[in-house]
Amino acid sequence: MDGWLKTLIAGACVVVIAGGGWYAWGEYSDYRERTAKTDLIKRVRTELFMLASASESEPEKVRAMCSVIRERPDTFSDENFAARTLRNCKALGFI
């Protein structure tokens, strides 16, 4: 084979490998982002159930706690706690 043909094939291989690596890295980044979001949702949900002293089969206790926080947020000494908890209740659909 001529030298230019070998160079052309080598260049094409480099492009294909680089494209595959770029695609794989993008998919891996998306996977990490989805996993992090799922883990955060699980932690927040667990915290809400813990604050409401509820088991996983008692979402009505969490809804009741969220309703109390929404109606009387000033009963908590830490207003930031009430606001964050209320935000989490809304984000997870308990309000």
Protein backbone atom coordinates (compact mmCIF):
# COMPACT_ATOMS: atom_id res chain seq x y z
CA MET A 1 0.00 0.00 0.00
CA ASP A 2 1.00 3.53 -0.47
CA GLY A 3 2.00 5.63 2.51
CA TRP A 4 -0.88 8.07 2.09
CA LEU A 5 -3.44 5.24 2.25
CA LYS A 6 -1.94 3.94 5.51
CA THR A 7 -2.07 7.47 6.92
CA LEU A 8 -5.69 7.84 5.82
CA ILE A 9 -6.68 4.56 7.51
CA ALA A 10 -4.80 5.48 10.70
CA GLY A 11 -6.50 8.89 10.73
CA ALA A 12 -9.93 7.29 10.29
CA CYS A 13 -9.20 4.91 13.17
CA VAL A 14 -8.21 7.82 15.41
CA VAL A 15 -11.42 9.67 14.54
CA VAL A 16 -13.60 6.61 15.26
CA ILE A 17 -11.86 5.90 18.57
CA ALA A 18 -12.07 9.55 19.63
CA GLY A 19 -15.77 9.70 18.71
CA GLY A 20 -16.49 6.53 20.65
CA GLY A 21 -14.63 7.88 23.66
CA TRP A 22 -16.51 11.17 23.50
CA TYR A 23 -19.86 9.34 23.33
CA ALA A 24 -18.93 6.97 26.17
CA TRP A 25 -17.80 9.84 28.41
CA GLY A 26 -21.06 11.71 27.75
CA GLU A 27 -23.14 8.66 28.65
CA TYR A 28 -21.09 8.08 31.78
CA SER A 29 -21.53 11.71 32.85
CA ASP A 30 -25.29 11.46 32.34
CA TYR A 31 -25.37 8.25 34.35
CA ARG A 32 -23.48 9.85 37.24
CA GLU A 33 -25.83 12.83 37.21
CA ARG A 34 -28.94 10.61 37.24
CA THR A 35 -27.50 8.47 40.02
CA ALA A 36 -26.65 11.53 42.13
CA LYS A 37 -30.16 12.93 41.66
CA THR A 38 -31.77 9.60 42.58
CA ASP A 39 -29.60 9.29 45.69
CA LEU A 40 -30.50 12.83 46.76
CA ILE A 41 -34.22 12.12 46.36
CA LYS A 42 -33.87 8.94 48.43
CA ARG A 43 -32.01 10.79 51.20
CA VAL A 44 -34.57 13.61 51.31
CA ARG A 45 -37.47 11.15 51.34
CA THR A 46 -35.85 9.15 54.15
CA GLU A 47 -35.31 12.34 56.14
CA LEU A 48 -38.95 13.39 55.75
CA PHE A 49 -40.16 10.00 56.92
CA MET A 50 -37.75 10.13 59.85
CA LEU A 51 -38.95 13.62 60.87
CA ALA A 52 -42.55 12.44 60.71
CA SER A 53 -41.71 9.26 62.67
CA ALA A 54 -43.27 7.26 59.87
CA SER A 55 -42.39 4.00 58.19
CA GLU A 56 -42.27 3.68 54.40
CA SER A 57 -45.86 2.44 54.42
CA GLU A 58 -47.17 5.56 56.21
CA PRO A 59 -46.97 8.48 53.77
CA GLU A 60 -50.08 10.02 55.35
CA LYS A 61 -47.99 10.89 58.44
CA VAL A 62 -45.54 12.76 56.22
CA ARG A 63 -48.40 14.57 54.48
CA ALA A 64 -49.79 15.59 57.87
CA MET A 65 -46.39 16.84 59.03
CA CYS A 66 -45.94 18.81 55.81
CA SER A 67 -49.40 20.35 56.21
CA VAL A 68 -48.57 21.45 59.76
CA ILE A 69 -45.32 23.03 58.59
CA ARG A 70 -47.14 24.82 55.76
CA GLU A 71 -49.86 26.16 58.07
CA ARG A 72 -47.60 27.14 60.99
CA PRO A 73 -43.98 27.58 59.87
CA ASP A 74 -43.35 30.09 62.68
CA THR A 75 -43.72 27.37 65.36
CA PHE A 76 -40.18 26.23 64.59
CA SER A 77 -37.29 28.02 66.22
CA ASP A 78 -35.29 27.73 63.01
CA GLU A 79 -37.17 29.33 60.12
CA ASN A 80 -34.65 27.98 57.60
CA PHE A 81 -35.44 24.44 58.75
CA ALA A 82 -39.14 24.97 58.19
CA ALA A 83 -38.55 26.52 54.76
CA ARG A 84 -36.21 23.73 53.63
CA THR A 85 -38.52 21.01 54.91
CA LEU A 86 -41.52 22.64 53.24
CA ARG A 87 -39.56 22.88 49.96
CA ASN A 88 -38.72 19.17 50.20
CA CYS A 89 -42.36 18.33 50.93
CA LYS A 90 -43.44 20.19 47.80
CA ALA A 91 -40.69 18.68 45.65
CA LEU A 92 -41.64 15.13 46.62
CA GLY A 93 -45.38 15.69 46.24
CA PHE A 94 -46.46 15.51 49.85
CA ILE A 95 -48.20 18.90 49.53
